[in-house]
Amino acid sequence: MGINIRSKIWLEIEGETVFGSGRRALLDEIDRLGSINKAAKATNISFRKALSYIQSMESRLGTALVLRQAGGRNGGGASLTEDARNLLGKYRRLESGVNELLDRKFSEVFENNNL
């Protein structure tokens, strides 16, 4: 049984969470599925919670992240804005960089995964 390291990264503005892995997953699923409702189901949250996450992110960041089209005869839909795509890309780079640093430091401190 070896020791492993885990980390969780989130972004805040004035102490309020703006973005993290759960919200990243939600935006990824909206992009993939083209629907907030389907993305909410795919990430195991309610539609109401997904909408709340989107609204709070957009409010705190001061920019639209999801373009919404109301349902109807042709159905609704959702897509990501360029700002959302930029945020996702930057977050992925940050997450990757932090994980690389953590892995390197972990290997240095816990040689051979032992105490």
PDB file of N, CA and C in Angstrom:
ATOM      1  N   MET A   1       0.849  -1.182   0.000  1.00  0.00           N
ATOM      2  CA  MET A   1       0.000   0.000   0.000  1.00  0.00           C
ATOM      3  C   MET A   1       0.890   1.239   0.000  1.00  0.00           C
ATOM      4  N   GLY A   2       0.905   1.953  -1.125  1.00  0.00           N
ATOM      5  CA  GLY A   2       1.723   3.151  -1.223  1.00  0.00           C
ATOM      6  C   GLY A   2       0.945   4.410  -0.889  1.00  0.00           C
ATOM      7  N   ILE A   3       1.676   5.442  -0.610  1.00  0.00           N
ATOM      8  CA  ILE A   3       1.077   6.744  -0.308  1.00  0.00           C
ATOM      9  C   ILE A   3       0.921   7.512  -1.617  1.00  0.00           C
ATOM     10  N   ASN A   4      -0.210   8.160  -1.777  1.00  0.00           N
ATOM     11  CA  ASN A   4      -0.471   8.992  -2.947  1.00  0.00           C
ATOM     12  C   ASN A   4      -0.831  10.401  -2.515  1.00  0.00           C
ATOM     13  N   ILE A   5      -0.680  11.342  -3.415  1.00  0.00           N
ATOM     14  CA  ILE A   5      -1.046  12.716  -3.129  1.00  0.00           C
ATOM     15  C   ILE A   5      -2.239  13.108  -3.986  1.00  0.00           C
ATOM     16  N   ARG A   6      -3.132  13.911  -3.419  1.00  0.00           N
ATOM     17  CA  ARG A   6      -4.293  14.439  -4.127  1.00  0.00           C
ATOM     18  C   ARG A   6      -4.383  15.927  -3.804  1.00  0.00           C
ATOM     19  N   SER A   7      -4.898  16.675  -4.754  1.00  0.00           N
ATOM     20  CA  SER A   7      -5.087  18.098  -4.499  1.00  0.00           C
ATOM     21  C   SER A   7      -6.363  18.560  -5.178  1.00  0.00           C
ATOM     22  N   LYS A   8      -6.884  19.665  -4.712  1.00  0.00           N
ATOM     23  CA  LYS A   8      -8.076  20.260  -5.293  1.00  0.00           C
ATOM     24  C   LYS A   8      -7.806  21.748  -5.434  1.00  0.00           C
ATOM     25  N   ILE A   9      -8.070  22.267  -6.630  1.00  0.00           N
ATOM     26  CA  ILE A   9      -7.790  23.668  -6.915  1.00  0.00           C
ATOM     27  C   ILE A   9      -9.104  24.360  -7.256  1.00  0.00           C
ATOM     28  N   TRP A  10      -9.316  25.514  -6.681  1.00  0.00           N
ATOM     29  CA  TRP A  10     -10.467  26.314  -7.062  1.00  0.00           C
ATOM     30  C   TRP A  10     -10.065  27.773  -7.063  1.00  0.00           C
ATOM     31  N   LEU A  11     -10.823  28.564  -7.796  1.00  0.00           N
ATOM     32  CA  LEU A  11     -10.561  29.991  -7.906  1.00  0.00           C
ATOM     33  C   LEU A  11     -11.622  30.742  -7.113  1.00  0.00           C
ATOM     34  N   GLU A  12     -11.201  31.805  -6.420  1.00  0.00           N
ATOM     35  CA  GLU A  12     -12.114  32.608  -5.623  1.00  0.00           C
ATOM     36  C   GLU A  12     -11.989  34.077  -5.998  1.00  0.00           C
ATOM     37  N   ILE A  13     -13.060  34.792  -5.780  1.00  0.00           N
ATOM     38  CA  ILE A  13     -13.048  36.259  -5.846  1.00  0.00           C
ATOM     39  C   ILE A  13     -13.670  36.741  -4.548  1.00  0.00           C
ATOM     40  N   GLU A  14     -12.915  37.511  -3.779  1.00  0.00           N
ATOM     41  CA  GLU A  14     -13.362  38.041  -2.489  1.00  0.00           C
ATOM     42  C   GLU A  14     -13.931  36.948  -1.589  1.00  0.00           C
ATOM     43  N   GLY A  15     -13.246  35.806  -1.551  1.00  0.00           N
ATOM     44  CA  GLY A  15     -13.628  34.710  -0.672  1.00  0.00           C
ATOM     45  C   GLY A  15     -14.751  33.835  -1.190  1.00  0.00           C
ATOM     46  N   GLU A  16     -15.303  34.155  -2.344  1.00  0.00           N
ATOM     47  CA  GLU A  16     -16.398  33.373  -2.923  1.00  0.00           C
ATOM     48  C   GLU A  16     -15.862  32.504  -4.052  1.00  0.00           C
ATOM     49  N   THR A  17     -16.204  31.217  -4.036  1.00  0.00           N
ATOM     50  CA  THR A  17     -15.758  30.306  -5.086  1.00  0.00           C
ATOM     51  C   THR A  17     -16.327  30.728  -6.426  1.00  0.00           C
ATOM     52  N   VAL A  18     -15.448  30.793  -7.424  1.00  0.00           N
ATOM     53  CA  VAL A  18     -15.852  31.153  -8.777  1.00  0.00           C
ATOM     54  C   VAL A  18     -15.751  29.942  -9.696  1.00  0.00           C
ATOM     55  N   PHE A  19     -14.708  29.144  -9.510  1.00  0.00           N
ATOM     56  CA  PHE A  19     -14.460  28.055 -10.448  1.00  0.00           C
ATOM     57  C   PHE A  19     -13.637  26.978  -9.782  1.00  0.00           C
ATOM     58  N   GLY A  20     -13.944  25.745 -10.118  1.00  0.00           N
ATOM     59  CA  GLY A  20     -13.201  24.600  -9.612  1.00  0.00           C
ATOM     60  C   GLY A  20     -13.507  23.393 -10.476  1.00  0.00           C
ATOM     61  N   SER A  21     -13.129  22.226 -10.007  1.00  0.00           N
ATOM     62  CA  SER A  21     -13.261  21.023 -10.832  1.00  0.00           C
ATOM     63  C   SER A  21     -14.718  20.671 -11.139  1.00  0.00           C
ATOM     64  N   GLY A  22     -15.629  20.890 -10.207  1.00  0.00           N
ATOM     65  CA  GLY A  22     -17.037  20.594 -10.453  1.00  0.00           C
ATOM     66  C   GLY A  22     -17.634  21.504 -11.507  1.00  0.00           C
ATOM     67  N   ARG A  23     -17.315  22.774 -11.432  1.00  0.00           N
ATOM     68  CA  ARG A  23     -17.828  23.733 -12.408  1.00  0.00           C
ATOM     69  C   ARG A  23     -17.150  23.535 -13.763  1.00  0.00           C
ATOM     70  N   ARG A  24     -15.899  23.118 -13.731  1.00  0.00           N
ATOM     71  CA  ARG A  24     -15.204  22.776 -14.981  1.00  0.00           C
ATOM     72  C   ARG A  24     -15.916  21.608 -15.650  1.00  0.00           C
ATOM     73  N   ALA A  25     -16.246  20.588 -14.872  1.00  0.00           N
ATOM     74  CA  ALA A  25     -16.942  19.427 -15.415  1.00  0.00           C
ATOM     75  C   ALA A  25     -18.293  19.828 -16.004  1.00  0.00           C
ATOM     76  N   LEU A  26     -18.998  20.724 -15.326  1.00  0.00           N
ATOM     77  CA  LEU A  26     -20.286  21.188 -15.832  1.00  0.00           C
ATOM     78  C   LEU A  26     -20.125  21.877 -17.184  1.00  0.00           C
ATOM     79  N   LEU A  27     -19.162  22.793 -17.289  1.00  0.00           N
ATOM     80  CA  LEU A  27     -18.941  23.480 -18.562  1.00  0.00           C
ATOM     81  C   LEU A  27     -18.487  22.510 -19.648  1.00  0.00           C
ATOM     82  N   ASP A  28     -17.636  21.559 -19.285  1.00  0.00           N
ATOM     83  CA  ASP A  28     -17.204  20.543 -20.262  1.00  0.00           C
ATOM     84  C   ASP A  28     -18.400  19.773 -20.806  1.00  0.00           C
ATOM     85  N   GLU A  29     -19.323  19.410 -19.927  1.00  0.00           N
ATOM     86  CA  GLU A  29     -20.493  18.640 -20.354  1.00  0.00           C
ATOM     87  C   GLU A  29     -21.463  19.503 -21.170  1.00  0.00           C
ATOM     88  N   ILE A  30     -21.602  20.762 -20.828  1.00  0.00           N
ATOM     89  CA  ILE A  30     -22.432  21.654 -21.645  1.00  0.00           C
ATOM     90  C   ILE A  30     -21.851  21.728 -23.046  1.00  0.00           C
ATOM     91  N   ASP A  31     -20.545  21.851 -23.122  1.00  0.00           N
ATOM     92  CA  ASP A  31     -19.880  21.917 -24.420  1.00  0.00           C
ATOM     93  C   ASP A  31     -20.097  20.624 -25.210  1.00  0.00           C
ATOM     94  N   ARG A  32     -19.995  19.505 -24.541  1.00  0.00           N
ATOM     95  CA  ARG A  32     -20.122  18.201 -25.192  1.00  0.00           C
ATOM     96  C   ARG A  32     -21.560  17.891 -25.582  1.00  0.00           C
ATOM     97  N   LEU A  33     -22.508  18.212 -24.700  1.00  0.00           N
ATOM     98  CA  LEU A  33     -23.895  17.794 -24.898  1.00  0.00           C
ATOM     99  C   LEU A  33     -24.801  18.888 -25.478  1.00  0.00           C
ATOM    100  N   GLY A  34     -24.370  20.143 -25.390  1.00  0.00           N
ATOM    101  CA  GLY A  34     -25.173  21.232 -25.929  1.00  0.00           C
ATOM    102  C   GLY A  34     -26.434  21.524 -25.139  1.00  0.00           C
ATOM    103  N   SER A  35     -26.435  21.161 -23.859  1.00  0.00           N
ATOM    104  CA  SER A  35     -27.627  21.323 -23.033  1.00  0.00           C
ATOM    105  C   SER A  35     -27.233  21.452 -21.564  1.00  0.00           C
ATOM    106  N   ILE A  36     -27.806  22.447 -20.892  1.00  0.00           N
ATOM    107  CA  ILE A  36     -27.544  22.590 -19.450  1.00  0.00           C
ATOM    108  C   ILE A  36     -28.195  21.431 -18.702  1.00  0.00           C
ATOM    109  N   ASN A  37     -29.411  21.078 -19.078  1.00  0.00           N
ATOM    110  CA  ASN A  37     -30.128  19.994 -18.409  1.00  0.00           C
ATOM    111  C   ASN A  37     -29.376  18.665 -18.534  1.00  0.00           C
ATOM    112  N   LYS A  38     -28.944  18.335 -19.735  1.00  0.00           N
ATOM    113  CA  LYS A  38     -28.201  17.085 -19.942  1.00  0.00           C
ATOM    114  C   LYS A  38     -26.853  17.123 -19.213  1.00  0.00           C
ATOM    115  N   ALA A  39     -26.206  18.293 -19.207  1.00  0.00           N
ATOM    116  CA  ALA A  39     -24.923  18.440 -18.509  1.00  0.00           C
ATOM    117  C   ALA A  39     -25.109  18.273 -17.008  1.00  0.00           C
ATOM    118  N   ALA A  40     -26.204  18.812 -16.475  1.00  0.00           N
ATOM    119  CA  ALA A  40     -26.489  18.664 -15.044  1.00  0.00           C
ATOM    120  C   ALA A  40     -26.651  17.186 -14.700  1.00  0.00           C
ATOM    121  N   LYS A  41     -27.410  16.469 -15.507  1.00  0.00           N
ATOM    122  CA  LYS A  41     -27.601  15.029 -15.269  1.00  0.00           C
ATOM    123  C   LYS A  41     -26.272  14.283 -15.357  1.00  0.00           C
ATOM    124  N   ALA A  42     -25.450  14.637 -16.327  1.00  0.00           N
ATOM    125  CA  ALA A  42     -24.161  13.962 -16.521  1.00  0.00           C
ATOM    126  C   ALA A  42     -23.202  14.207 -15.360  1.00  0.00           C
ATOM    127  N   THR A  43     -23.359  15.346 -14.689  1.00  0.00           N
ATOM    128  CA  THR A  43     -22.474  15.662 -13.557  1.00  0.00           C
ATOM    129  C   THR A  43     -23.149  15.416 -12.206  1.00  0.00           C
ATOM    130  N   ASN A  44     -24.328  14.784 -12.257  1.00  0.00           N
ATOM    131  CA  ASN A  44     -25.065  14.400 -11.040  1.00  0.00           C
ATOM    132  C   ASN A  44     -25.450  15.571 -10.149  1.00  0.00           C
ATOM    133  N   ILE A  45     -25.887  16.670 -10.766  1.00  0.00           N
ATOM    134  CA  ILE A  45     -26.437  17.784 -10.005  1.00  0.00           C
ATOM    135  C   ILE A  45     -27.785  18.147 -10.613  1.00  0.00           C
ATOM    136  N   SER A  46     -28.577  18.880  -9.866  1.00  0.00           N
ATOM    137  CA  SER A  46     -29.882  19.276 -10.376  1.00  0.00           C
ATOM    138  C   SER A  46     -29.723  20.389 -11.413  1.00  0.00           C
ATOM    139  N   PHE A  47     -30.727  20.522 -12.254  1.00  0.00           N
ATOM    140  CA  PHE A  47     -30.735  21.602 -13.238  1.00  0.00           C
ATOM    141  C   PHE A  47     -30.657  22.947 -12.519  1.00  0.00           C
ATOM    142  N   ARG A  48     -31.400  23.072 -11.442  1.00  0.00           N
ATOM    143  CA  ARG A  48     -31.419  24.327 -10.665  1.00  0.00           C
ATOM    144  C   ARG A  48     -30.023  24.672 -10.139  1.00  0.00           C
ATOM    145  N   LYS A  49     -29.308  23.669  -9.631  1.00  0.00           N
ATOM    146  CA  LYS A  49     -27.952  23.899  -9.116  1.00  0.00           C
ATOM    147  C   LYS A  49     -27.007  24.271 -10.261  1.00  0.00           C
ATOM    148  N   ALA A  50     -27.137  23.602 -11.403  1.00  0.00           N
ATOM    149  CA  ALA A  50     -26.302  23.924 -12.561  1.00  0.00           C
ATOM    150  C   ALA A  50     -26.529  25.367 -12.993  1.00  0.00           C
ATOM    151  N   LEU A  51     -27.775  25.768 -13.054  1.00  0.00           N
ATOM    152  CA  LEU A  51     -28.107  27.139 -13.439  1.00  0.00           C
ATOM    153  C   LEU A  51     -27.548  28.126 -12.418  1.00  0.00           C
ATOM    154  N   SER A  52     -27.636  27.772 -11.152  1.00  0.00           N
ATOM    155  CA  SER A  52     -27.089  28.625 -10.091  1.00  0.00           C
ATOM    156  C   SER A  52     -25.571  28.774 -10.233  1.00  0.00           C
ATOM    157  N   TYR A  53     -24.876  27.667 -10.510  1.00  0.00           N
ATOM    158  CA  TYR A  53     -23.431  27.726 -10.723  1.00  0.00           C
ATOM    159  C   TYR A  53     -23.083  28.648 -11.891  1.00  0.00           C
ATOM    160  N   ILE A  54     -23.808  28.482 -12.988  1.00  0.00           N
ATOM    161  CA  ILE A  54     -23.539  29.307 -14.176  1.00  0.00           C
ATOM    162  C   ILE A  54     -23.773  30.783 -13.862  1.00  0.00           C
ATOM    163  N   GLN A  55     -24.904  31.084 -13.235  1.00  0.00           N
ATOM    164  CA  GLN A  55     -25.227  32.474 -12.925  1.00  0.00           C
ATOM    165  C   GLN A  55     -24.221  33.092 -11.961  1.00  0.00           C
ATOM    166  N   SER A  56     -23.785  32.341 -10.958  1.00  0.00           N
ATOM    167  CA  SER A  56     -22.815  32.894 -10.002  1.00  0.00           C
ATOM    168  C   SER A  56     -21.444  33.091 -10.652  1.00  0.00           C
ATOM    169  N   MET A  57     -21.031  32.144 -11.510  1.00  0.00           N
ATOM    170  CA  MET A  57     -19.755  32.319 -12.216  1.00  0.00           C
ATOM    171  C   MET A  57     -19.819  33.560 -13.100  1.00  0.00           C
ATOM    172  N   GLU A  58     -20.879  33.685 -13.870  1.00  0.00           N
ATOM    173  CA  GLU A  58     -21.011  34.816 -14.781  1.00  0.00           C
ATOM    174  C   GLU A  58     -21.068  36.134 -14.028  1.00  0.00           C
ATOM    175  N   SER A  59     -21.783  36.162 -12.926  1.00  0.00           N
ATOM    176  CA  SER A  59     -21.897  37.381 -12.122  1.00  0.00           C
ATOM    177  C   SER A  59     -20.553  37.778 -11.527  1.00  0.00           C
ATOM    178  N   ARG A  60     -19.855  36.829 -10.925  1.00  0.00           N
ATOM    179  CA  ARG A  60     -18.578  37.123 -10.266  1.00  0.00           C
ATOM    180  C   ARG A  60     -17.475  37.455 -11.264  1.00  0.00           C
ATOM    181  N   LEU A  61     -17.519  36.822 -12.433  1.00  0.00           N
ATOM    182  CA  LEU A  61     -16.493  37.086 -13.450  1.00  0.00           C
ATOM    183  C   LEU A  61     -16.850  38.278 -14.335  1.00  0.00           C
ATOM    184  N   GLY A  62     -18.120  38.663 -14.325  1.00  0.00           N
ATOM    185  CA  GLY A  62     -18.549  39.806 -15.119  1.00  0.00           C
ATOM    186  C   GLY A  62     -18.592  39.542 -16.616  1.00  0.00           C
ATOM    187  N   THR A  63     -18.843  38.292 -16.988  1.00  0.00           N
ATOM    188  CA  THR A  63     -18.909  37.944 -18.408  1.00  0.00           C
ATOM    189  C   THR A  63     -19.817  36.735 -18.600  1.00  0.00           C
ATOM    190  N   ALA A  64     -20.401  36.636 -19.769  1.00  0.00           N
ATOM    191  CA  ALA A  64     -21.230  35.471 -20.094  1.00  0.00           C
ATOM    192  C   ALA A  64     -20.323  34.274 -20.386  1.00  0.00           C
ATOM    193  N   LEU A  65     -20.714  33.129 -19.889  1.00  0.00           N
ATOM    194  CA  LEU A  65     -19.966  31.894 -20.133  1.00  0.00           C
ATOM    195  C   LEU A  65     -20.770  30.903 -20.966  1.00  0.00           C
ATOM    196  N   VAL A  66     -22.089  30.956 -20.821  1.00  0.00           N
ATOM    197  CA  VAL A  66     -22.967  30.013 -21.519  1.00  0.00           C
ATOM    198  C   VAL A  66     -24.032  30.789 -22.280  1.00  0.00           C
ATOM    199  N   LEU A  67     -24.133  30.500 -23.566  1.00  0.00           N
ATOM    200  CA  LEU A  67     -25.193  31.066 -24.391  1.00  0.00           C
ATOM    201  C   LEU A  67     -26.361  30.088 -24.347  1.00  0.00           C
ATOM    202  N   ARG A  68     -27.526  30.584 -23.948  1.00  0.00           N
ATOM    203  CA  ARG A  68     -28.685  29.729 -23.788  1.00  0.00           C
ATOM    204  C   ARG A  68     -29.741  30.051 -24.836  1.00  0.00           C
ATOM    205  N   GLN A  69     -30.343  29.001 -25.366  1.00  0.00           N
ATOM    206  CA  GLN A  69     -31.452  29.161 -26.286  1.00  0.00           C
ATOM    207  C   GLN A  69     -32.631  28.420 -25.678  1.00  0.00           C
ATOM    208  N   ALA A  70     -33.729  29.146 -25.447  1.00  0.00           N
ATOM    209  CA  ALA A  70     -34.909  28.550 -24.816  1.00  0.00           C
ATOM    210  C   ALA A  70     -35.454  27.412 -25.668  1.00  0.00           C
ATOM    211  N   GLY A  71     -36.090  26.467 -25.002  1.00  0.00           N
ATOM    212  CA  GLY A  71     -36.688  25.331 -25.703  1.00  0.00           C
ATOM    213  C   GLY A  71     -37.887  25.764 -26.527  1.00  0.00           C
ATOM    214  N   GLY A  72     -38.547  24.827 -27.067  1.00  0.00           N
ATOM    215  CA  GLY A  72     -39.691  25.103 -27.920  1.00  0.00           C
ATOM    216  C   GLY A  72     -39.793  24.020 -28.957  1.00  0.00           C
ATOM    217  N   ARG A  73     -40.408  24.353 -30.078  1.00  0.00           N
ATOM    218  CA  ARG A  73     -40.625  23.371 -31.146  1.00  0.00           C
ATOM    219  C   ARG A  73     -39.315  22.716 -31.597  1.00  0.00           C
ATOM    220  N   ASN A  74     -38.269  23.521 -31.770  1.00  0.00           N
ATOM    221  CA  ASN A  74     -36.979  22.999 -32.225  1.00  0.00           C
ATOM    222  C   ASN A  74     -36.059  22.624 -31.078  1.00  0.00           C
ATOM    223  N   GLY A  75     -36.551  22.716 -29.862  1.00  0.00           N
ATOM    224  CA  GLY A  75     -35.738  22.392 -28.698  1.00  0.00           C
ATOM    225  C   GLY A  75     -34.801  23.529 -28.343  1.00  0.00           C
ATOM    226  N   GLY A  76     -34.308  23.511 -27.146  1.00  0.00           N
ATOM    227  CA  GLY A  76     -33.388  24.538 -26.697  1.00  0.00           C
ATOM    228  C   GLY A  76     -31.965  24.098 -26.908  1.00  0.00           C
ATOM    229  N   GLY A  77     -31.093  24.763 -26.235  1.00  0.00           N
ATOM    230  CA  GLY A  77     -29.698  24.387 -26.335  1.00  0.00           C
ATOM    231  C   GLY A  77     -28.823  25.347 -25.573  1.00  0.00           C
ATOM    232  N   ALA A  78     -27.582  25.005 -25.455  1.00  0.00           N
ATOM    233  CA  ALA A  78     -26.606  25.835 -24.757  1.00  0.00           C
ATOM    234  C   ALA A  78     -25.245  25.596 -25.385  1.00  0.00           C
ATOM    235  N   SER A  79     -24.456  26.646 -25.415  1.00  0.00           N
ATOM    236  CA  SER A  79     -23.091  26.529 -25.915  1.00  0.00           C
ATOM    237  C   SER A  79     -22.201  27.458 -25.103  1.00  0.00           C
ATOM    238  N   LEU A  80     -20.914  27.196 -25.142  1.00  0.00           N
ATOM    239  CA  LEU A  80     -19.956  28.002 -24.381  1.00  0.00           C
ATOM    240  C   LEU A  80     -19.526  29.222 -25.186  1.00  0.00           C
ATOM    241  N   THR A  81     -19.266  30.307 -24.458  1.00  0.00           N
ATOM    242  CA  THR A  81     -18.729  31.500 -25.090  1.00  0.00           C
ATOM    243  C   THR A  81     -17.216  31.353 -25.219  1.00  0.00           C
ATOM    244  N   GLU A  82     -16.619  32.252 -25.941  1.00  0.00           N
ATOM    245  CA  GLU A  82     -15.162  32.260 -26.075  1.00  0.00           C
ATOM    246  C   GLU A  82     -14.504  32.476 -24.711  1.00  0.00           C
ATOM    247  N   ASP A  83     -15.115  33.320 -23.857  1.00  0.00           N
ATOM    248  CA  ASP A  83     -14.580  33.534 -22.508  1.00  0.00           C
ATOM    249  C   ASP A  83     -14.587  32.234 -21.701  1.00  0.00           C
ATOM    250  N   ALA A  84     -15.641  31.439 -21.847  1.00  0.00           N
ATOM    251  CA  ALA A  84     -15.707  30.151 -21.136  1.00  0.00           C
ATOM    252  C   ALA A  84     -14.609  29.224 -21.632  1.00  0.00           C
ATOM    253  N   ARG A  85     -14.397  29.192 -22.930  1.00  0.00           N
ATOM    254  CA  ARG A  85     -13.343  28.332 -23.493  1.00  0.00           C
ATOM    255  C   ARG A  85     -11.958  28.789 -23.010  1.00  0.00           C
ATOM    256  N   ASN A  86     -11.757  30.091 -22.930  1.00  0.00           N
ATOM    257  CA  ASN A  86     -10.489  30.626 -22.417  1.00  0.00           C
ATOM    258  C   ASN A  86     -10.301  30.252 -20.953  1.00  0.00           C
ATOM    259  N   LEU A  87     -11.354  30.387 -20.151  1.00  0.00           N
ATOM    260  CA  LEU A  87     -11.291  30.025 -18.736  1.00  0.00           C
ATOM    261  C   LEU A  87     -10.960  28.547 -18.574  1.00  0.00           C
ATOM    262  N   LEU A  88     -11.631  27.696 -19.336  1.00  0.00           N
ATOM    263  CA  LEU A  88     -11.359  26.255 -19.263  1.00  0.00           C
ATOM    264  C   LEU A  88      -9.908  25.946 -19.622  1.00  0.00           C
ATOM    265  N   GLY A  89      -9.403  26.564 -20.667  1.00  0.00           N
ATOM    266  CA  GLY A  89      -8.017  26.325 -21.079  1.00  0.00           C
ATOM    267  C   GLY A  89      -7.020  26.768 -20.019  1.00  0.00           C
ATOM    268  N   LYS A  90      -7.243  27.942 -19.458  1.00  0.00           N
ATOM    269  CA  LYS A  90      -6.337  28.446 -18.414  1.00  0.00           C
ATOM    270  C   LYS A  90      -6.404  27.575 -17.167  1.00  0.00           C
ATOM    271  N   TYR A  91      -7.608  27.166 -16.789  1.00  0.00           N
ATOM    272  CA  TYR A  91      -7.761  26.320 -15.606  1.00  0.00           C
ATOM    273  C   TYR A  91      -7.049  24.983 -15.803  1.00  0.00           C
ATOM    274  N   ARG A  92      -7.191  24.398 -16.985  1.00  0.00           N
ATOM    275  CA  ARG A  92      -6.510  23.125 -17.269  1.00  0.00           C
ATOM    276  C   ARG A  92      -4.996  23.276 -17.181  1.00  0.00           C
ATOM    277  N   ARG A  93      -4.484  24.385 -17.734  1.00  0.00           N
ATOM    278  CA  ARG A  93      -3.026  24.617 -17.665  1.00  0.00           C
ATOM    279  C   ARG A  93      -2.579  24.807 -16.220  1.00  0.00           C
ATOM    280  N   LEU A  94      -3.357  25.541 -15.432  1.00  0.00           N
ATOM    281  CA  LEU A  94      -3.036  25.743 -14.023  1.00  0.00           C
ATOM    282  C   LEU A  94      -3.053  24.412 -13.281  1.00  0.00           C
ATOM    283  N   GLU A  95      -4.100  23.654 -13.480  1.00  0.00           N
ATOM    284  CA  GLU A  95      -4.249  22.357 -12.818  1.00  0.00           C
ATOM    285  C   GLU A  95      -3.093  21.420 -13.182  1.00  0.00           C
ATOM    286  N   SER A  96      -2.755  21.371 -14.439  1.00  0.00           N
ATOM    287  CA  SER A  96      -1.662  20.522 -14.900  1.00  0.00           C
ATOM    288  C   SER A  96      -0.336  20.954 -14.281  1.00  0.00           C
ATOM    289  N   GLY A  97      -0.089  22.255 -14.275  1.00  0.00           N
ATOM    290  CA  GLY A  97       1.159  22.770 -13.706  1.00  0.00           C
ATOM    291  C   GLY A  97       1.272  22.511 -12.218  1.00  0.00           C
ATOM    292  N   VAL A  98       0.188  22.715 -11.499  1.00  0.00           N
ATOM    293  CA  VAL A  98       0.198  22.463 -10.053  1.00  0.00           C
ATOM    294  C   VAL A  98       0.415  20.981  -9.786  1.00  0.00           C
ATOM    295  N   ASN A  99      -0.244  20.123 -10.547  1.00  0.00           N
ATOM    296  CA  ASN A  99      -0.072  18.676 -10.353  1.00  0.00           C
ATOM    297  C   ASN A  99       1.357  18.229 -10.653  1.00  0.00           C
ATOM    298  N   GLU A 100       1.978  18.817 -11.674  1.00  0.00           N
ATOM    299  CA  GLU A 100       3.379  18.497 -11.964  1.00  0.00           C
ATOM    300  C   GLU A 100       4.272  18.886 -10.794  1.00  0.00           C
ATOM    301  N   LEU A 101       4.062  20.090 -10.253  1.00  0.00           N
ATOM    302  CA  LEU A 101       4.854  20.541  -9.101  1.00  0.00           C
ATOM    303  C   LEU A 101       4.623  19.652  -7.887  1.00  0.00           C
ATOM    304  N   LEU A 102       3.368  19.300  -7.631  1.00  0.00           N
ATOM    305  CA  LEU A 102       3.053  18.430  -6.497  1.00  0.00           C
ATOM    306  C   LEU A 102       3.679  17.049  -6.649  1.00  0.00           C
ATOM    307  N   ASP A 103       3.587  16.489  -7.841  1.00  0.00           N
ATOM    308  CA  ASP A 103       4.180  15.167  -8.078  1.00  0.00           C
ATOM    309  C   ASP A 103       5.684  15.199  -7.850  1.00  0.00           C
ATOM    310  N   ARG A 104       6.323  16.250  -8.339  1.00  0.00           N
ATOM    311  CA  ARG A 104       7.771  16.372  -8.180  1.00  0.00           C
ATOM    312  C   ARG A 104       8.136  16.497  -6.702  1.00  0.00           C
ATOM    313  N   LYS A 105       7.425  17.364  -5.972  1.00  0.00           N
ATOM    314  CA  LYS A 105       7.718  17.568  -4.551  1.00  0.00           C
ATOM    315  C   LYS A 105       7.387  16.313  -3.747  1.00  0.00           C
ATOM    316  N   PHE A 106       6.281  15.661  -4.101  1.00  0.00           N
ATOM    317  CA  PHE A 106       5.902  14.428  -3.424  1.00  0.00           C
ATOM    318  C   PHE A 106       6.993  13.374  -3.567  1.00  0.00           C
ATOM    319  N   SER A 107       7.500  13.201  -4.783  1.00  0.00           N
ATOM    320  CA  SER A 107       8.563  12.221  -5.030  1.00  0.00           C
ATOM    321  C   SER A 107       9.808  12.552  -4.228  1.00  0.00           C
ATOM    322  N   GLU A 108      10.101  13.827  -4.100  1.00  0.00           N
ATOM    323  CA  GLU A 108      11.277  14.271  -3.337  1.00  0.00           C
ATOM    324  C   GLU A 108      11.103  13.994  -1.842  1.00  0.00           C
ATOM    325  N   VAL A 109       9.914  14.274  -1.320  1.00  0.00           N
ATOM    326  CA  VAL A 109       9.687  14.159   0.127  1.00  0.00           C
ATOM    327  C   VAL A 109       9.403  12.705   0.530  1.00  0.00           C
ATOM    328  N   PHE A 110       8.612  11.999  -0.262  1.00  0.00           N
ATOM    329  CA  PHE A 110       8.241  10.625   0.049  1.00  0.00           C
ATOM    330  C   PHE A 110       8.907   9.669  -0.915  1.00  0.00           C
ATOM    331  N   GLU A 111      10.232   9.623  -0.879  1.00  0.00           N
ATOM    332  CA  GLU A 111      10.973   8.702  -1.750  1.00  0.00           C
ATOM    333  C   GLU A 111      10.430   7.300  -1.618  1.00  0.00           C
ATOM    334  N   ASN A 112      10.219   6.636  -2.730  1.00  0.00           N
ATOM    335  CA  ASN A 112       9.734   5.253  -2.780  1.00  0.00           C
ATOM    336  C   ASN A 112       8.367   5.075  -2.095  1.00  0.00           C
ATOM    337  N   ASN A 113       7.604   6.154  -1.982  1.00  0.00           N
ATOM    338  CA  ASN A 113       6.259   6.119  -1.379  1.00  0.00           C
ATOM    339  C   ASN A 113       6.244   5.554   0.033  1.00  0.00           C
ATOM    340  N   ASN A 114       7.285   5.798   0.794  1.00  0.00           N
ATOM    341  CA  ASN A 114       7.358   5.305   2.162  1.00  0.00           C
ATOM    342  C   ASN A 114       7.427   6.469   3.143  1.00  0.00           C
ATOM    343  N   LEU A 115       7.064   6.144   4.404  1.00  0.00           N
ATOM    344  CA  LEU A 115       7.173   7.159   5.485  1.00  0.00           C
ATOM    345  C   LEU A 115       8.595   7.363   5.889  1.00  0.00           C
TER     346      LEU A 115
END
